[in-house]
Amino acid sequence: MTIDEVREFALSLPESMEVEHWGKPSFRLNNKIFTVMQDDGITITVKISAEDREMYTSMDPDTYSVPDSFSNLNYMNVNLRTVDPQELKGLIQKAWSSVAPKRLVKAYSEGK
């Protein structure tokens, strides 16, 4: 998946918007970040639960990683070169759902 495809998918989620975050594109809902594109053009950062983060980073450390500065935050980096595109879409959607109001998540789920 490319950065442009990530952008297109993230912005396709209801009420999401792109906002600059420390000079990088981030995707938000109600000003809550769920995904950030990194400067290298091949890494994105997604919001994720601590349990899921542990599972993904243990399962495939070449694809999923946690920078030292994120050790206390519920985010992980994803390598776009090695991630399965469908899995990435699921992660972005789950990240969006974690910051979205329940009514919006329900409406989105029902509309699929």
C-alpha atoms as a PDB file:
ATOM      1  CA  MET A   1       0.000   0.000   0.000  1.00  0.00           C
ATOM      2  CA  THR A   2       1.302   3.465  -0.850  1.00  0.00           C
ATOM      3  CA  ILE A   3       1.086   6.676   1.163  1.00  0.00           C
ATOM      4  CA  ASP A   4      -1.500   7.947  -1.330  1.00  0.00           C
ATOM      5  CA  GLU A   5      -3.612   4.814  -0.837  1.00  0.00           C
ATOM      6  CA  VAL A   6      -3.361   5.219   2.941  1.00  0.00           C
ATOM      7  CA  ARG A   7      -4.502   8.835   2.602  1.00  0.00           C
ATOM      8  CA  GLU A   8      -7.416   7.863   0.348  1.00  0.00           C
ATOM      9  CA  PHE A   9      -8.561   5.105   2.700  1.00  0.00           C
ATOM     10  CA  ALA A  10      -8.185   7.171   5.890  1.00  0.00           C
ATOM     11  CA  LEU A  11     -10.146  10.049   4.375  1.00  0.00           C
ATOM     12  CA  SER A  12     -12.875   7.666   3.212  1.00  0.00           C
ATOM     13  CA  LEU A  13     -13.779   6.968   6.839  1.00  0.00           C
ATOM     14  CA  PRO A  14     -16.721   9.109   8.002  1.00  0.00           C
ATOM     15  CA  GLU A  15     -15.868  12.561   9.330  1.00  0.00           C
ATOM     16  CA  SER A  16     -12.113  11.982   9.168  1.00  0.00           C
ATOM     17  CA  MET A  17      -9.881  14.830   8.119  1.00  0.00           C
ATOM     18  CA  GLU A  18      -6.216  15.432   7.363  1.00  0.00           C
ATOM     19  CA  VAL A  19      -4.408  17.837   9.695  1.00  0.00           C
ATOM     20  CA  GLU A  20      -0.711  18.638   9.980  1.00  0.00           C
ATOM     21  CA  HIS A  21       0.958  17.184  13.084  1.00  0.00           C
ATOM     22  CA  TRP A  22       4.557  18.278  13.723  1.00  0.00           C
ATOM     23  CA  GLY A  23       4.984  18.816   9.974  1.00  0.00           C
ATOM     24  CA  LYS A  24       3.505  15.435   9.054  1.00  0.00           C
ATOM     25  CA  PRO A  25       0.065  14.543   7.700  1.00  0.00           C
ATOM     26  CA  SER A  26      -2.187  13.080  10.370  1.00  0.00           C
ATOM     27  CA  PHE A  27      -5.713  11.749  10.119  1.00  0.00           C
ATOM     28  CA  ARG A  28      -8.156  12.688  12.821  1.00  0.00           C
ATOM     29  CA  LEU A  29     -11.720  12.523  13.927  1.00  0.00           C
ATOM     30  CA  ASN A  30     -12.937  15.235  16.303  1.00  0.00           C
ATOM     31  CA  ASN A  31      -9.291  16.353  16.549  1.00  0.00           C
ATOM     32  CA  LYS A  32      -8.247  12.907  17.858  1.00  0.00           C
ATOM     33  CA  ILE A  33      -5.388  11.338  15.907  1.00  0.00           C
ATOM     34  CA  PHE A  34      -5.811   7.811  14.598  1.00  0.00           C
ATOM     35  CA  THR A  35      -3.049   7.678  11.933  1.00  0.00           C
ATOM     36  CA  VAL A  36       0.103   9.693  11.132  1.00  0.00           C
ATOM     37  CA  MET A  37       2.297   9.468   8.034  1.00  0.00           C
ATOM     38  CA  GLN A  38       6.008   9.520   8.768  1.00  0.00           C
ATOM     39  CA  ASP A  39       8.618  11.524   6.836  1.00  0.00           C
ATOM     40  CA  ASP A  40      10.293   8.458   5.306  1.00  0.00           C
ATOM     41  CA  GLY A  41       7.290   7.798   3.043  1.00  0.00           C
ATOM     42  CA  ILE A  42       7.122   4.112   3.956  1.00  0.00           C
ATOM     43  CA  THR A  43       5.994   4.209   7.586  1.00  0.00           C
ATOM     44  CA  ILE A  44       2.718   5.182   9.189  1.00  0.00           C
ATOM     45  CA  THR A  45       1.821   5.303  12.846  1.00  0.00           C
ATOM     46  CA  VAL A  46      -1.562   3.948  13.949  1.00  0.00           C
ATOM     47  CA  LYS A  47      -3.433   4.124  17.222  1.00  0.00           C
ATOM     48  CA  ILE A  48      -3.809   0.658  18.747  1.00  0.00           C
ATOM     49  CA  SER A  49      -4.552  -0.938  22.086  1.00  0.00           C
ATOM     50  CA  ALA A  50      -1.592  -2.018  24.208  1.00  0.00           C
ATOM     51  CA  GLU A  51      -2.639  -5.668  23.916  1.00  0.00           C
ATOM     52  CA  ASP A  52      -2.933  -5.566  20.127  1.00  0.00           C
ATOM     53  CA  ARG A  53       0.341  -3.674  19.841  1.00  0.00           C
ATOM     54  CA  GLU A  54       2.128  -6.388  21.786  1.00  0.00           C
ATOM     55  CA  MET A  55       0.594  -9.070  19.564  1.00  0.00           C
ATOM     56  CA  TYR A  56       1.472  -7.368  16.261  1.00  0.00           C
ATOM     57  CA  THR A  57       5.018  -6.381  17.210  1.00  0.00           C
ATOM     58  CA  SER A  58       5.724  -9.892  18.499  1.00  0.00           C
ATOM     59  CA  MET A  59       4.156 -11.536  15.460  1.00  0.00           C
ATOM     60  CA  ASP A  60       6.043  -9.523  12.798  1.00  0.00           C
ATOM     61  CA  PRO A  61       8.708  -7.114  14.099  1.00  0.00           C
ATOM     62  CA  ASP A  62       9.856  -6.279  10.546  1.00  0.00           C
ATOM     63  CA  THR A  63       6.419  -4.826   9.798  1.00  0.00           C
ATOM     64  CA  TYR A  64       5.268  -3.549  13.203  1.00  0.00           C
ATOM     65  CA  SER A  65       7.433  -1.626  15.653  1.00  0.00           C
ATOM     66  CA  VAL A  66       7.254   0.780  18.570  1.00  0.00           C
ATOM     67  CA  PRO A  67       9.722   3.660  18.747  1.00  0.00           C
ATOM     68  CA  ASP A  68      11.227   4.201  22.207  1.00  0.00           C
ATOM     69  CA  SER A  69       9.453   7.554  22.437  1.00  0.00           C
ATOM     70  CA  PHE A  70       6.107   5.748  22.014  1.00  0.00           C
ATOM     71  CA  SER A  71       6.639   3.123  24.706  1.00  0.00           C
ATOM     72  CA  ASN A  72       3.961   4.668  26.956  1.00  0.00           C
ATOM     73  CA  LEU A  73       1.562   5.560  24.123  1.00  0.00           C
ATOM     74  CA  ASN A  74      -0.958   3.323  22.377  1.00  0.00           C
ATOM     75  CA  TYR A  75       0.543   3.704  18.905  1.00  0.00           C
ATOM     76  CA  MET A  76       2.761   1.588  16.683  1.00  0.00           C
ATOM     77  CA  ASN A  77       4.599   2.069  13.420  1.00  0.00           C
ATOM     78  CA  VAL A  78       3.683   0.037  10.352  1.00  0.00           C
ATOM     79  CA  ASN A  79       6.055  -0.574   7.431  1.00  0.00           C
ATOM     80  CA  LEU A  80       4.068  -0.075   4.205  1.00  0.00           C
ATOM     81  CA  ARG A  81       6.552  -2.188   2.224  1.00  0.00           C
ATOM     82  CA  THR A  82       5.838  -5.348   4.172  1.00  0.00           C
ATOM     83  CA  VAL A  83       2.299  -5.015   5.551  1.00  0.00           C
ATOM     84  CA  ASP A  84      -0.611  -6.845   3.952  1.00  0.00           C
ATOM     85  CA  PRO A  85      -2.886  -4.133   2.455  1.00  0.00           C
ATOM     86  CA  GLN A  86      -6.102  -5.664   3.814  1.00  0.00           C
ATOM     87  CA  GLU A  87      -4.583  -6.016   7.270  1.00  0.00           C
ATOM     88  CA  LEU A  88      -3.489  -2.372   7.148  1.00  0.00           C
ATOM     89  CA  LYS A  89      -6.973  -1.223   6.165  1.00  0.00           C
ATOM     90  CA  GLY A  90      -8.326  -3.168   9.124  1.00  0.00           C
ATOM     91  CA  LEU A  91      -5.808  -1.516  11.454  1.00  0.00           C
ATOM     92  CA  ILE A  92      -6.636   1.971  10.191  1.00  0.00           C
ATOM     93  CA  GLN A  93     -10.353   1.280  10.496  1.00  0.00           C
ATOM     94  CA  LYS A  94      -9.881  -0.041  14.025  1.00  0.00           C
ATOM     95  CA  ALA A  95      -7.784   3.029  14.912  1.00  0.00           C
ATOM     96  CA  TRP A  96     -10.538   5.274  13.528  1.00  0.00           C
ATOM     97  CA  SER A  97     -13.150   3.323  15.530  1.00  0.00           C
ATOM     98  CA  SER A  98     -11.152   3.854  18.719  1.00  0.00           C
ATOM     99  CA  VAL A  99     -11.578   7.639  18.455  1.00  0.00           C
ATOM    100  CA  ALA A 100     -15.024   7.764  16.819  1.00  0.00           C
ATOM    101  CA  PRO A 101     -18.288   8.213  18.702  1.00  0.00           C
ATOM    102  CA  LYS A 102     -20.184   4.928  19.065  1.00  0.00           C
ATOM    103  CA  ARG A 103     -23.088   6.236  16.973  1.00  0.00           C
ATOM    104  CA  LEU A 104     -20.725   6.931  14.074  1.00  0.00           C
ATOM    105  CA  VAL A 105     -19.058   3.520  14.322  1.00  0.00           C
ATOM    106  CA  LYS A 106     -22.482   1.870  14.356  1.00  0.00           C
ATOM    107  CA  ALA A 107     -23.698   3.868  11.346  1.00  0.00           C
ATOM    108  CA  TYR A 108     -20.504   3.049   9.433  1.00  0.00           C
ATOM    109  CA  SER A 109     -20.763  -0.660  10.249  1.00  0.00           C
ATOM    110  CA  GLU A 110     -24.390  -0.802   9.188  1.00  0.00           C
ATOM    111  CA  GLY A 111     -23.675   1.055   5.941  1.00  0.00           C
ATOM    112  CA  LYS A 112     -21.033  -1.382   4.714  1.00  0.00           C
END
